Amino acid sequence: MRRLIGTLAVALVLAMLALLTGCGSDSAGTSTDTPVRIEGGKPSAAYTVRNLLADWPNGTGLYPDDLNDSGQVACHGTKVGTGPYNHAVLWDNGVVTELGELPSSPQISWSASINATGDIAGASVVNGWRHAVVWCAGAYGTPTNLHQADPAWIGSEACGINASGEVVGAWIEEIQPPGGGYSYWYHGRLWSLSGGGSDIPDCDGAYDINDQGQVTGRPVAIWQRDASGVWQTTPLPLPSGYGGCGEHINAAGHVAGRMWGTARRAFLWNGSQVVDLGTLSGYEEVEAYGINDADEVVGLARHMAKNGLYTYKAFIWRNGVMSDLGALAGTSVTSAYAINNMGQIACNGPKGGMLLTPK
């Protein structure tokens, strides 16, 4: 996952929840006539609901970021004694393991992605900036710091990890314009746990990598190294005037993500075209975050009320139909971030993180 954030200080680390904005593509090939299922329609599945926070006695909040096919859920949450600060944890069959942070004060970390063997990519805060880290299965509690000791690197974050231990994310460079002030430049990055790494050209942030080494991120594209190790970029054809980011890429190289222009929309790149996934009735904006190998997509729909406040509903899209995930689960579900090949979904409700498992 994939929600890449850079910060100036600990206070900003806690406050900045906005995602990177994107640059558009004017190429053709987008389908916008996908059929839409009105929320609450005839369900095609029912789920059992597991409240993740109930399994963390020390926790005060727990929110999922990703899950693998074994049903392990990478999360971030708050706990007794550390106030509002977030901590990366693993939920595994009812057991919550705190993953630990790099030496710093206060102790702050986030998870982002988990691979098939339970290795988790994310970030830990050092001197007010995120540093990209990986927690390796069997060595939880001891994060591997991927942040490069280079004066140009003021921050970094790991957002995706595949079964081979290849990790993608971004590092942040501070730039002083001629007129004064500061600006920040994001560089997409690949790291390998076996050693080495490289910047990803024309990439402002890499959000996910599949086991074939295909990468997606911002702007909306697929990056992959050729036989010589040279990065090749394939931009995905968003509608004219739209920017966006690819959030997750499956084994077939299909991408689920978000695009923004006249409105925020969820999309699926199915290998031949970008498909607008539609929306739920009464909800104007939609964002996709997770996809599995069956091209089932999950995310959230958002509606702004007259008082300016947003309401949210999670959705699942499959076989051309978008459905209200809460109606299928029999409980309120506000956002969904990952779906595995077993059909399990990591999501949030009014009381925090949940794991939905098909009956």
Protein backbone atom coordinates (compact mmCIF):
# COMPACT_ATOMS: atom_id res chain seq x y z
CA MET A 1 0.00 0.00 0.00
CA ARG A 2 0.75 2.59 -0.89
CA ARG A 3 -0.38 5.83 0.82
CA LEU A 4 2.89 7.73 0.41
CA ILE A 5 3.37 10.67 2.80
CA GLY A 6 6.26 13.03 3.53
CA THR A 7 6.56 15.25 6.62
CA LEU A 8 8.68 17.98 8.10
CA ALA A 9 8.36 17.19 11.80
CA VAL A 10 6.64 14.78 14.14
CA ALA A 11 3.61 17.05 14.40
CA LEU A 12 3.33 17.08 10.62
CA VAL A 13 3.84 13.34 10.49
CA LEU A 14 0.66 13.02 12.52
CA ALA A 15 -1.26 15.69 10.67
CA MET A 16 -0.48 15.11 6.98
CA LEU A 17 -2.91 12.45 5.77
CA ALA A 18 -3.29 13.78 2.23
CA LEU A 19 -1.97 11.65 -0.62
CA LEU A 20 0.26 12.83 -3.43
CA THR A 21 -1.55 14.60 -6.26
CA GLY A 22 -0.97 13.47 -9.82
CA CYS A 23 -0.20 14.52 -13.37
CA GLY A 24 -2.62 13.60 -16.13
CA SER A 25 -2.51 11.63 -19.35
CA ASP A 26 -4.34 12.69 -22.49
CA SER A 27 -4.23 9.34 -24.29
CA ALA A 28 -7.26 7.41 -25.48
CA GLY A 29 -8.52 3.96 -24.54
CA THR A 30 -10.64 4.59 -21.44
CA SER A 31 -13.97 2.86 -20.88
CA THR A 32 -16.50 4.85 -18.81
CA ASP A 33 -19.64 2.84 -19.51
CA THR A 34 -19.12 0.13 -16.89
CA PRO A 35 -22.43 -1.03 -15.37
CA VAL A 36 -22.97 0.09 -11.79
CA ARG A 37 -24.72 -1.90 -9.06
CA ILE A 38 -26.80 0.21 -6.71
CA GLU A 39 -25.77 -0.33 -3.09
CA GLY A 40 -27.74 -2.94 -1.25
CA GLY A 41 -28.44 -4.99 -4.37
CA LYS A 42 -28.69 -8.77 -4.31
CA PRO A 43 -25.49 -9.97 -2.60
CA SER A 44 -23.30 -12.59 -4.24
CA ALA A 45 -21.41 -13.38 -1.04
CA ALA A 46 -21.73 -13.09 2.71
CA TYR A 47 -18.89 -12.57 5.19
CA THR A 48 -17.91 -13.29 8.74
CA VAL A 49 -16.58 -10.15 10.45
CA ARG A 50 -13.53 -10.09 12.73
CA ASN A 51 -12.84 -6.98 14.84
CA LEU A 52 -9.04 -6.71 14.83
CA LEU A 53 -8.69 -4.34 17.78
CA ALA A 54 -10.35 -6.88 20.09
CA ASP A 55 -7.23 -9.05 19.71
CA TRP A 56 -4.79 -6.31 20.89
CA PRO A 57 -5.17 -5.86 24.65
CA ASN A 58 -2.69 -2.95 24.63
CA GLY A 59 -4.32 -1.21 21.66
CA THR A 60 -6.63 1.79 21.51
CA GLY A 61 -7.03 1.82 17.71
CA LEU A 62 -6.10 -0.58 14.91
CA TYR A 63 -6.38 0.01 11.14
CA PRO A 64 -5.40 -2.37 8.30
CA ASP A 65 -3.10 -1.48 5.43
CA ASP A 66 -2.65 -4.76 3.53
CA LEU A 67 -3.12 -8.52 3.79
CA ASN A 68 -1.70 -11.64 2.16
CA ASP A 69 -3.25 -14.92 1.04
CA SER A 70 -2.60 -16.45 4.47
CA GLY A 71 -4.91 -13.86 6.02
CA GLN A 72 -2.10 -12.01 7.81
CA VAL A 73 -2.95 -8.32 8.09
CA ALA A 74 -0.36 -5.53 8.22
CA CYS A 75 -1.79 -2.69 10.32
CA HIS A 76 -1.00 0.53 12.10
CA GLY A 77 -2.56 1.57 15.36
CA THR A 78 -2.37 3.41 18.62
CA LYS A 79 -1.77 1.90 22.03
CA VAL A 80 -1.96 2.66 25.72
CA GLY A 81 0.78 4.98 26.97
CA THR A 82 1.88 6.51 23.67
CA GLY A 83 -0.99 8.89 22.99
CA PRO A 84 -1.73 9.62 19.32
CA TYR A 85 1.43 8.04 17.92
CA ASN A 86 1.03 5.22 15.39
CA HIS A 87 2.79 1.87 15.58
CA ALA A 88 3.14 -0.82 12.90
CA VAL A 89 1.73 -4.19 13.95
CA LEU A 90 0.90 -7.58 12.43
CA TRP A 91 -2.45 -9.29 13.02
CA ASP A 92 -2.11 -13.04 12.48
CA ASN A 93 -4.99 -15.37 13.33
CA GLY A 94 -6.00 -13.39 16.40
CA VAL A 95 -2.47 -12.59 17.60
CA VAL A 96 -1.17 -9.00 17.35
CA THR A 97 2.61 -8.49 17.18
CA GLU A 98 4.11 -5.03 17.58
CA LEU A 99 6.79 -4.68 14.90
CA GLY A 100 9.02 -2.11 16.60
CA GLU A 101 10.63 1.11 15.42
CA LEU A 102 14.03 2.53 14.57
CA PRO A 103 15.77 4.28 17.48
CA SER A 104 13.94 7.60 17.86
CA SER A 105 11.78 9.58 20.21
CA PRO A 106 8.83 9.43 20.07
CA GLN A 107 8.40 5.91 18.69
CA ILE A 108 6.32 6.10 15.49
CA SER A 109 5.88 3.64 12.61
CA TRP A 110 3.44 2.58 9.88
CA SER A 111 3.01 -0.56 7.83
CA ALA A 112 2.14 -0.42 4.14
CA SER A 113 2.47 -3.81 2.44
CA ILE A 114 2.89 -7.50 3.33
CA ASN A 115 4.16 -10.28 1.07
CA ALA A 116 3.34 -13.99 0.95
CA THR A 117 5.89 -14.94 3.63
CA GLY A 118 4.94 -12.18 6.06
CA ASP A 119 7.68 -9.64 5.33
CA ILE A 120 6.24 -6.15 5.88
CA ALA A 121 7.28 -2.86 4.25
CA GLY A 122 6.56 0.53 5.77
CA ALA A 123 8.24 3.41 7.56
CA SER A 124 9.59 4.44 10.95
CA VAL A 125 10.12 8.06 11.99
CA VAL A 126 13.63 9.37 12.69
CA ASN A 127 14.16 13.07 13.54
CA GLY A 128 10.68 13.94 12.27
CA TRP A 129 11.06 12.21 8.89
CA ARG A 130 9.90 8.82 7.75
CA HIS A 131 12.59 6.27 6.92
CA ALA A 132 11.74 3.33 4.67
CA VAL A 133 11.96 0.05 6.58
CA VAL A 134 11.17 -3.65 6.23
CA TRP A 135 10.24 -6.00 9.05
CA CYS A 136 11.31 -9.51 8.00
CA ALA A 137 9.29 -12.52 9.11
CA GLY A 138 11.12 -14.24 11.95
CA ALA A 139 12.82 -10.99 12.95
CA TYR A 140 9.90 -8.76 13.92
CA GLY A 141 10.99 -6.10 16.37
CA THR A 142 14.14 -5.34 14.38
CA PRO A 143 13.32 -3.21 11.33
CA THR A 144 15.79 -3.07 8.44
CA ASN A 145 16.45 0.58 7.58
CA LEU A 146 16.43 1.14 3.81
CA HIS A 147 16.99 4.89 4.07
CA GLN A 148 20.20 5.92 2.31
CA ALA A 149 22.80 7.89 4.26
CA ASP A 150 22.92 10.68 1.69
CA PRO A 151 22.50 14.41 2.45
CA ALA A 152 19.97 14.66 -0.37
CA TRP A 153 17.71 12.07 1.28
CA ILE A 154 15.64 13.84 3.92
CA GLY A 155 12.91 11.22 4.03
CA SER A 156 11.81 7.93 2.49
CA GLU A 157 9.01 5.39 2.67
CA ALA A 158 8.53 1.78 1.58
CA CYS A 159 5.08 1.14 0.09
CA GLY A 160 5.17 -2.29 -1.56
CA ILE A 161 7.04 -5.61 -1.23
CA ASN A 162 6.92 -8.78 -3.33
CA ALA A 163 7.77 -12.42 -2.62
CA SER A 164 11.37 -11.95 -3.79
CA GLY A 165 12.02 -9.22 -1.24
CA GLU A 166 11.98 -6.40 -3.77
CA VAL A 167 10.67 -3.23 -2.12
CA VAL A 168 9.33 -0.07 -3.75
CA GLY A 169 8.52 3.37 -2.44
CA ALA A 170 10.09 6.80 -2.65
CA TRP A 171 12.73 9.04 -1.19
CA ILE A 172 12.29 12.77 -0.66
CA GLU A 173 14.66 15.53 -1.68
CA GLU A 174 14.49 19.08 -0.35
CA ILE A 175 14.99 21.75 -3.01
CA GLN A 176 15.59 25.46 -2.45
CA PRO A 177 14.14 27.45 -5.39
CA PRO A 178 16.04 30.56 -6.56
CA GLY A 179 13.32 32.81 -5.14
CA GLY A 180 13.65 31.33 -1.65
CA GLY A 181 11.60 28.94 0.40
CA TYR A 182 11.59 25.17 0.13
CA SER A 183 9.98 22.53 -2.03
CA TYR A 184 10.17 18.76 -1.99
CA TRP A 185 10.80 16.32 -4.80
CA TYR A 186 9.73 12.69 -4.64
CA HIS A 187 11.81 10.03 -6.37
CA GLY A 188 10.35 6.56 -7.01
CA ARG A 189 12.72 3.92 -5.67
CA LEU A 190 13.32 0.16 -5.73
CA TRP A 191 15.32 -1.58 -3.01
CA SER A 192 16.34 -5.24 -2.83
CA LEU A 193 16.72 -6.96 0.53
CA SER A 194 19.56 -8.94 -1.06
CA GLY A 195 21.37 -5.65 -1.69
CA GLY A 196 21.31 -2.77 -4.13
CA GLY A 197 18.60 -0.56 -5.48
CA SER A 198 17.82 2.08 -8.07
CA ASP A 199 15.66 5.09 -8.72
CA ILE A 200 12.68 4.44 -11.01
CA PRO A 201 12.68 6.95 -13.89
CA ASP A 202 9.69 9.25 -14.40
CA CYS A 203 8.18 8.01 -11.13
CA ASP A 204 7.17 10.32 -8.28
CA GLY A 205 6.37 7.43 -5.96
CA ALA A 206 6.16 3.66 -6.40
CA TYR A 207 3.16 2.18 -4.57
CA ASP A 208 3.25 -1.55 -5.32
CA ILE A 209 5.28 -4.31 -7.00
CA ASN A 210 4.09 -7.76 -8.05
CA ASP A 211 6.09 -10.99 -8.09
CA GLN A 212 6.95 -10.43 -11.76
CA GLY A 213 8.73 -7.19 -10.84
CA GLN A 214 6.09 -4.89 -12.36
CA VAL A 215 5.67 -1.63 -10.47
CA THR A 216 2.81 0.86 -10.34
CA GLY A 217 2.52 4.26 -8.68
CA ARG A 218 2.41 7.93 -9.57
CA PRO A 219 1.86 9.07 -12.30
CA VAL A 220 -0.34 6.21 -13.50
CA ALA A 221 2.01 3.80 -15.24
CA ILE A 222 3.65 0.39 -15.10
CA TRP A 223 7.41 0.23 -14.76
CA GLN A 224 9.48 -2.90 -15.37
CA ARG A 225 13.17 -3.63 -15.98
CA ASP A 226 14.10 -5.30 -19.25
CA ALA A 227 16.62 -8.13 -19.66
CA SER A 228 19.46 -5.61 -19.37
CA GLY A 229 18.10 -4.19 -16.13
CA VAL A 230 16.98 -0.92 -17.77
CA TRP A 231 13.66 0.49 -16.59
CA GLN A 232 10.89 0.68 -19.18
CA THR A 233 7.81 2.85 -18.59
CA THR A 234 4.30 2.12 -19.89
CA PRO A 235 1.90 5.03 -19.15
CA LEU A 236 -1.72 3.97 -18.66
CA PRO A 237 -4.33 5.86 -20.73
CA LEU A 238 -6.41 7.94 -18.32
CA PRO A 239 -9.13 10.23 -19.69
CA SER A 240 -8.01 13.63 -20.94
CA GLY A 241 -7.50 16.05 -18.07
CA TYR A 242 -7.16 13.34 -15.40
CA GLY A 243 -4.18 12.57 -13.20
CA GLY A 244 -3.90 9.80 -10.69
CA CYS A 245 -1.92 6.94 -9.20
CA GLY A 246 -1.85 3.18 -9.41
CA GLU A 247 -2.40 1.74 -5.93
CA HIS A 248 -2.05 -2.02 -6.40
CA ILE A 249 -0.91 -4.37 -9.18
CA ASN A 250 -1.87 -8.05 -9.40
CA ALA A 251 -0.04 -11.06 -10.87
CA ALA A 252 -1.38 -10.35 -14.37
CA GLY A 253 -0.14 -6.76 -14.28
CA HIS A 254 -3.65 -5.35 -13.86
CA VAL A 255 -3.80 -2.16 -11.80
CA ALA A 256 -6.41 -0.69 -9.44
CA GLY A 257 -6.09 2.95 -8.53
CA ARG A 258 -7.42 6.45 -8.27
CA MET A 259 -7.79 9.21 -10.82
CA TRP A 260 -8.81 12.80 -10.36
CA GLY A 261 -10.00 15.49 -12.73
CA THR A 262 -13.58 16.78 -12.66
CA ALA A 263 -14.14 14.23 -9.85
CA ARG A 264 -12.25 11.49 -8.05
CA ARG A 265 -12.83 8.14 -9.71
CA ALA A 266 -11.75 4.54 -9.19
CA PHE A 267 -10.23 2.69 -12.14
CA LEU A 268 -9.04 -0.73 -13.23
CA TRP A 269 -6.39 -1.25 -15.90
CA ASN A 270 -7.35 -4.68 -17.25
CA GLY A 271 -4.39 -5.07 -19.59
CA SER A 272 -6.06 -3.43 -22.58
CA GLN A 273 -8.00 -0.42 -21.30
CA VAL A 274 -8.66 1.75 -18.26
CA VAL A 275 -12.14 1.00 -16.89
CA ASP A 276 -13.98 3.60 -14.80
CA LEU A 277 -15.58 1.49 -12.03
CA GLY A 278 -18.58 3.76 -11.52
CA THR A 279 -19.93 4.63 -8.08
CA LEU A 280 -22.52 3.78 -5.45
CA SER A 281 -25.86 5.54 -5.52
CA GLY A 282 -25.67 8.91 -3.74
CA TYR A 283 -21.85 8.97 -3.63
CA GLU A 284 -20.01 11.33 -5.97
CA GLU A 285 -16.36 10.27 -5.51
CA VAL A 286 -14.77 6.82 -5.54
CA GLU A 287 -11.23 5.57 -4.89
CA ALA A 288 -9.85 2.06 -5.46
CA TYR A 289 -7.06 0.69 -3.27
CA GLY A 290 -6.91 -3.10 -3.57
CA ILE A 291 -7.15 -5.78 -6.27
CA ASN A 292 -6.68 -9.54 -6.29
CA ASP A 293 -5.78 -11.90 -9.13
CA ALA A 294 -9.47 -12.32 -10.06
CA ASP A 295 -9.67 -8.55 -10.76
CA GLU A 296 -11.94 -8.02 -7.75
CA VAL A 297 -11.39 -4.42 -6.61
CA VAL A 298 -12.10 -2.79 -3.23
CA GLY A 299 -12.02 0.81 -2.08
CA LEU A 300 -14.29 3.58 -0.82
CA ALA A 301 -17.02 5.91 -2.03
CA ARG A 302 -17.35 9.41 -0.59
CA HIS A 303 -20.26 11.87 -0.33
CA MET A 304 -20.09 15.47 0.87
CA ALA A 305 -23.13 16.48 2.91
CA LYS A 306 -24.61 19.98 2.98
CA ASN A 307 -22.64 20.72 6.16
CA GLY A 308 -19.38 20.09 4.28
CA LEU A 309 -18.62 16.83 6.09
CA TYR A 310 -17.90 13.60 4.22
CA THR A 311 -19.57 10.25 4.66
CA TYR A 312 -17.89 7.08 3.40
CA LYS A 313 -18.91 3.60 2.23
CA ALA A 314 -16.66 0.74 1.22
CA PHE A 315 -17.30 -1.07 -2.05
CA ILE A 316 -16.34 -4.26 -3.83
CA TRP A 317 -16.33 -4.31 -7.63
CA ARG A 318 -16.36 -7.60 -9.51
CA ASN A 319 -17.56 -8.77 -12.91
CA GLY A 320 -18.51 -5.23 -13.87
CA VAL A 321 -20.70 -4.65 -10.82
CA MET A 322 -20.03 -2.34 -7.84
CA SER A 323 -21.70 -3.33 -4.55
CA ASP A 324 -21.94 -1.83 -1.08
CA LEU A 325 -19.55 -3.95 0.99
CA GLY A 326 -21.38 -3.17 4.23
CA ALA A 327 -24.62 -4.53 2.82
CA LEU A 328 -22.83 -7.79 1.99
CA ALA A 329 -21.15 -7.97 5.39
CA GLY A 330 -24.21 -7.00 7.43
CA THR A 331 -22.37 -4.17 9.20
CA SER A 332 -21.11 -0.67 8.46
CA VAL A 333 -17.90 -0.68 6.41
CA THR A 334 -16.43 2.73 5.63
CA SER A 335 -13.29 1.88 3.62
CA ALA A 336 -11.52 -1.16 2.20
CA TYR A 337 -7.80 -1.30 1.41
CA ALA A 338 -6.92 -4.86 0.35
CA ILE A 339 -8.47 -8.09 -0.93
CA ASN A 340 -6.60 -11.38 -1.18
CA ASN A 341 -7.07 -14.35 -3.49
CA MET A 342 -9.22 -16.09 -0.86
CA GLY A 343 -11.66 -13.17 -1.08
CA GLN A 344 -10.81 -11.87 2.40
CA ILE A 345 -10.96 -8.08 2.72
CA ALA A 346 -9.06 -5.78 5.09
CA CYS A 347 -11.29 -2.82 5.85
CA ASN A 348 -12.42 -0.22 8.37
CA GLY A 349 -15.70 0.38 10.15
CA PRO A 350 -16.83 2.89 12.77
CA LYS A 351 -14.86 0.97 15.44
CA GLY A 352 -11.70 0.49 13.39
CA GLY A 353 -10.13 -2.38 11.48
CA MET A 354 -11.97 -5.48 10.39
CA LEU A 355 -11.20 -8.63 8.43
CA LEU A 356 -14.07 -9.91 6.29
CA THR A 357 -13.94 -13.59 5.33
CA PRO A 358 -16.37 -15.11 2.79
CA LYS A 359 -18.64 -17.74 4.31
